[in-house]
Amino acid sequence: MGKKRNEFACVVSNKFDCLGHEKMNVESEWQLMKRVLMDTAKEVVGKSKKHKRNTWISDKTLNLVEEKRSQRHKDVEKYN
């Protein structure tokens, strides 16, 4: 974990050094900082993988929930 943290800090520092020290309003500075941090995080750390949904909900239960939802929408459309 320390290696990635150091690499991230180094890359962020380098990017901010390259930008210079221009006078900007607070919103512009925030957007710039946010963009640099997010871009660097994607470069160094990468994007996380999506986790599979919880296994405590069975497919049968999910199908019943979906069926209930679709029936509820049919009733709403019927009475509008």
N, C-alpha and C. Protein backbone atom coordinates (compact mmCIF):
# COMPACT_ATOMS: atom_id res chain seq x y z
N MET A 1 0.82 -1.19 0.00
CA MET A 1 0.00 0.00 0.00
C MET A 1 0.86 1.25 0.00
N GLY A 2 1.96 1.24 0.68
CA GLY A 2 2.82 2.40 0.76
C GLY A 2 3.43 2.78 -0.57
N LYS A 3 3.71 1.77 -1.41
CA LYS A 3 4.32 2.03 -2.71
C LYS A 3 3.38 2.84 -3.61
N LYS A 4 2.13 2.44 -3.66
CA LYS A 4 1.14 3.15 -4.49
C LYS A 4 0.91 4.56 -3.95
N ARG A 5 0.89 4.69 -2.61
CA ARG A 5 0.68 6.00 -2.00
C ARG A 5 1.80 6.95 -2.36
N ASN A 6 3.03 6.45 -2.30
CA ASN A 6 4.18 7.29 -2.65
C ASN A 6 4.17 7.66 -4.13
N GLU A 7 3.83 6.71 -4.97
CA GLU A 7 3.76 6.97 -6.41
C GLU A 7 2.69 8.01 -6.71
N PHE A 8 1.53 7.86 -6.07
CA PHE A 8 0.43 8.81 -6.25
C PHE A 8 0.87 10.21 -5.83
N ALA A 9 1.48 10.32 -4.65
CA ALA A 9 1.93 11.62 -4.14
C ALA A 9 2.95 12.26 -5.07
N CYS A 10 3.85 11.46 -5.60
CA CYS A 10 4.88 11.96 -6.50
C CYS A 10 4.27 12.48 -7.80
N VAL A 11 3.36 11.72 -8.38
CA VAL A 11 2.74 12.12 -9.64
C VAL A 11 1.90 13.38 -9.45
N VAL A 12 1.13 13.44 -8.35
CA VAL A 12 0.32 14.63 -8.08
C VAL A 12 1.21 15.85 -7.90
N SER A 13 2.27 15.68 -7.16
CA SER A 13 3.20 16.78 -6.94
C SER A 13 3.79 17.27 -8.25
N ASN A 14 4.19 16.35 -9.11
CA ASN A 14 4.75 16.73 -10.42
C ASN A 14 3.74 17.47 -11.27
N LYS A 15 2.50 17.01 -11.26
CA LYS A 15 1.47 17.67 -12.07
C LYS A 15 1.21 19.08 -11.57
N PHE A 16 1.14 19.25 -10.26
CA PHE A 16 0.90 20.59 -9.73
C PHE A 16 2.09 21.51 -9.99
N ASP A 17 3.31 20.97 -9.95
CA ASP A 17 4.48 21.78 -10.26
C ASP A 17 4.46 22.26 -11.70
N CYS A 18 3.98 21.41 -12.61
CA CYS A 18 3.92 21.78 -14.03
C CYS A 18 2.85 22.84 -14.30
N LEU A 19 1.84 22.90 -13.47
CA LEU A 19 0.74 23.84 -13.70
C LEU A 19 1.13 25.28 -13.43
N GLY A 20 2.05 25.49 -12.54
CA GLY A 20 2.42 26.86 -12.19
C GLY A 20 1.52 27.39 -11.09
N HIS A 21 1.67 28.64 -10.80
CA HIS A 21 0.90 29.24 -9.71
C HIS A 21 0.15 30.46 -10.21
N GLU A 22 -0.84 30.22 -11.04
CA GLU A 22 -1.66 31.30 -11.56
C GLU A 22 -2.72 31.68 -10.53
N LYS A 23 -3.12 32.93 -10.56
CA LYS A 23 -4.20 33.37 -9.69
C LYS A 23 -5.52 33.01 -10.36
N MET A 24 -6.34 32.23 -9.66
CA MET A 24 -7.65 31.84 -10.17
C MET A 24 -8.66 32.04 -9.05
N ASN A 25 -9.93 32.03 -9.44
CA ASN A 25 -10.95 32.08 -8.40
C ASN A 25 -11.04 30.71 -7.73
N VAL A 26 -11.73 30.66 -6.63
CA VAL A 26 -11.79 29.45 -5.82
C VAL A 26 -12.39 28.28 -6.60
N GLU A 27 -13.44 28.54 -7.34
CA GLU A 27 -14.11 27.47 -8.08
C GLU A 27 -13.19 26.87 -9.15
N SER A 28 -12.46 27.72 -9.86
CA SER A 28 -11.54 27.24 -10.88
C SER A 28 -10.40 26.41 -10.26
N GLU A 29 -9.89 26.89 -9.13
CA GLU A 29 -8.84 26.13 -8.45
C GLU A 29 -9.34 24.79 -7.99
N TRP A 30 -10.57 24.76 -7.44
CA TRP A 30 -11.14 23.49 -6.98
C TRP A 30 -11.31 22.52 -8.16
N GLN A 31 -11.85 22.99 -9.27
CA GLN A 31 -12.04 22.12 -10.43
C GLN A 31 -10.70 21.58 -10.94
N LEU A 32 -9.68 22.42 -10.95
CA LEU A 32 -8.36 22.00 -11.39
C LEU A 32 -7.78 20.94 -10.45
N MET A 33 -7.87 21.20 -9.15
CA MET A 33 -7.36 20.23 -8.17
C MET A 33 -8.11 18.90 -8.28
N LYS A 34 -9.41 18.99 -8.40
CA LYS A 34 -10.24 17.78 -8.51
C LYS A 34 -9.85 16.97 -9.74
N ARG A 35 -9.69 17.65 -10.88
CA ARG A 35 -9.34 16.96 -12.12
C ARG A 35 -7.97 16.29 -12.01
N VAL A 36 -6.99 17.01 -11.45
CA VAL A 36 -5.64 16.45 -11.30
C VAL A 36 -5.67 15.23 -10.39
N LEU A 37 -6.36 15.33 -9.26
CA LEU A 37 -6.42 14.21 -8.31
C LEU A 37 -7.14 13.01 -8.91
N MET A 38 -8.26 13.24 -9.57
CA MET A 38 -9.02 12.12 -10.15
C MET A 38 -8.26 11.46 -11.30
N ASP A 39 -7.67 12.25 -12.17
CA ASP A 39 -6.91 11.69 -13.29
C ASP A 39 -5.71 10.88 -12.79
N THR A 40 -5.02 11.43 -11.78
CA THR A 40 -3.86 10.74 -11.24
C THR A 40 -4.27 9.44 -10.56
N ALA A 41 -5.38 9.47 -9.85
CA ALA A 41 -5.86 8.25 -9.18
C ALA A 41 -6.17 7.17 -10.21
N LYS A 42 -6.79 7.56 -11.33
CA LYS A 42 -7.09 6.57 -12.38
C LYS A 42 -5.81 6.00 -12.98
N GLU A 43 -4.81 6.86 -13.16
CA GLU A 43 -3.53 6.41 -13.73
C GLU A 43 -2.80 5.47 -12.79
N VAL A 44 -2.67 5.86 -11.54
CA VAL A 44 -1.83 5.14 -10.58
C VAL A 44 -2.56 3.93 -10.00
N VAL A 45 -3.76 4.15 -9.51
CA VAL A 45 -4.48 3.08 -8.81
C VAL A 45 -5.31 2.25 -9.77
N GLY A 46 -5.92 2.89 -10.74
CA GLY A 46 -6.78 2.18 -11.68
C GLY A 46 -8.21 2.20 -11.20
N LYS A 47 -9.08 1.67 -12.00
CA LYS A 47 -10.49 1.63 -11.68
C LYS A 47 -10.79 0.34 -10.92
N SER A 48 -11.64 0.43 -9.92
CA SER A 48 -11.96 -0.77 -9.15
C SER A 48 -12.96 -1.64 -9.93
N LYS A 49 -12.90 -2.92 -9.67
CA LYS A 49 -13.81 -3.84 -10.32
C LYS A 49 -15.13 -3.85 -9.57
N LYS A 50 -16.21 -4.04 -10.31
CA LYS A 50 -17.51 -4.11 -9.66
C LYS A 50 -17.63 -5.45 -8.96
N HIS A 51 -18.24 -5.38 -7.80
CA HIS A 51 -18.43 -6.60 -7.03
C HIS A 51 -19.73 -7.28 -7.43
N LYS A 52 -19.70 -8.57 -7.37
CA LYS A 52 -20.90 -9.33 -7.66
C LYS A 52 -21.91 -9.06 -6.57
N ARG A 53 -23.18 -9.08 -6.92
CA ARG A 53 -24.20 -8.79 -5.93
C ARG A 53 -24.18 -9.82 -4.82
N ASN A 54 -24.79 -9.47 -3.72
CA ASN A 54 -24.80 -10.36 -2.56
C ASN A 54 -25.51 -11.67 -2.88
N THR A 55 -24.97 -12.73 -2.37
CA THR A 55 -25.55 -14.05 -2.65
C THR A 55 -26.68 -14.39 -1.70
N TRP A 56 -26.92 -13.55 -0.68
CA TRP A 56 -28.00 -13.84 0.25
C TRP A 56 -29.37 -13.62 -0.37
N ILE A 57 -29.43 -12.96 -1.52
CA ILE A 57 -30.70 -12.80 -2.24
C ILE A 57 -30.68 -13.78 -3.40
N SER A 58 -31.60 -14.70 -3.36
CA SER A 58 -31.62 -15.73 -4.41
C SER A 58 -32.22 -15.16 -5.69
N ASP A 59 -31.98 -15.84 -6.79
CA ASP A 59 -32.55 -15.43 -8.07
C ASP A 59 -34.07 -15.48 -8.02
N LYS A 60 -34.59 -16.46 -7.32
CA LYS A 60 -36.04 -16.60 -7.20
C LYS A 60 -36.63 -15.36 -6.52
N THR A 61 -35.99 -14.90 -5.45
CA THR A 61 -36.46 -13.72 -4.73
C THR A 61 -36.37 -12.48 -5.62
N LEU A 62 -35.27 -12.34 -6.35
CA LEU A 62 -35.14 -11.19 -7.25
C LEU A 62 -36.21 -11.21 -8.34
N ASN A 63 -36.54 -12.39 -8.84
CA ASN A 63 -37.59 -12.50 -9.85
C ASN A 63 -38.94 -12.09 -9.27
N LEU A 64 -39.21 -12.49 -8.02
CA LEU A 64 -40.47 -12.11 -7.37
C LEU A 64 -40.55 -10.60 -7.16
N VAL A 65 -39.45 -9.99 -6.78
CA VAL A 65 -39.42 -8.54 -6.59
C VAL A 65 -39.70 -7.85 -7.92
N GLU A 66 -39.09 -8.31 -8.98
CA GLU A 66 -39.30 -7.72 -10.30
C GLU A 66 -40.75 -7.91 -10.75
N GLU A 67 -41.31 -9.06 -10.49
CA GLU A 67 -42.71 -9.32 -10.85
C GLU A 67 -43.64 -8.38 -10.08
N LYS A 68 -43.39 -8.20 -8.80
CA LYS A 68 -44.19 -7.29 -7.98
C LYS A 68 -44.08 -5.87 -8.52
N ARG A 69 -42.89 -5.46 -8.87
CA ARG A 69 -42.67 -4.11 -9.39
C ARG A 69 -43.44 -3.91 -10.70
N SER A 70 -43.40 -4.89 -11.58
CA SER A 70 -44.09 -4.75 -12.86
C SER A 70 -45.60 -4.72 -12.66
N GLN A 71 -46.12 -5.51 -11.72
CA GLN A 71 -47.55 -5.50 -11.45
C GLN A 71 -47.99 -4.16 -10.86
N ARG A 72 -47.16 -3.60 -10.02
CA ARG A 72 -47.48 -2.30 -9.42
C ARG A 72 -47.57 -1.23 -10.50
N HIS A 73 -46.66 -1.28 -11.47
CA HIS A 73 -46.68 -0.29 -12.55
C HIS A 73 -47.90 -0.49 -13.45
N LYS A 74 -48.32 -1.71 -13.65
CA LYS A 74 -49.51 -1.96 -14.47
C LYS A 74 -50.74 -1.35 -13.81
N ASP A 75 -50.87 -1.53 -12.49
CA ASP A 75 -52.02 -0.99 -11.78
C ASP A 75 -52.05 0.54 -11.83
N VAL A 76 -50.90 1.17 -11.72
CA VAL A 76 -50.83 2.63 -11.77
C VAL A 76 -51.27 3.11 -13.14
N GLU A 77 -50.81 2.46 -14.20
CA GLU A 77 -51.20 2.86 -15.55
C GLU A 77 -52.68 2.63 -15.80
N LYS A 78 -53.24 1.60 -15.20
CA LYS A 78 -54.64 1.24 -15.39
C LYS A 78 -55.57 2.33 -14.85
N TYR A 79 -55.18 2.92 -13.72
CA TYR A 79 -56.05 3.89 -13.06
C TYR A 79 -55.74 5.34 -13.40
N ASN A 80 -54.78 5.60 -14.26
CA ASN A 80 -54.47 6.98 -14.65
C ASN A 80 -55.26 7.42 -15.82
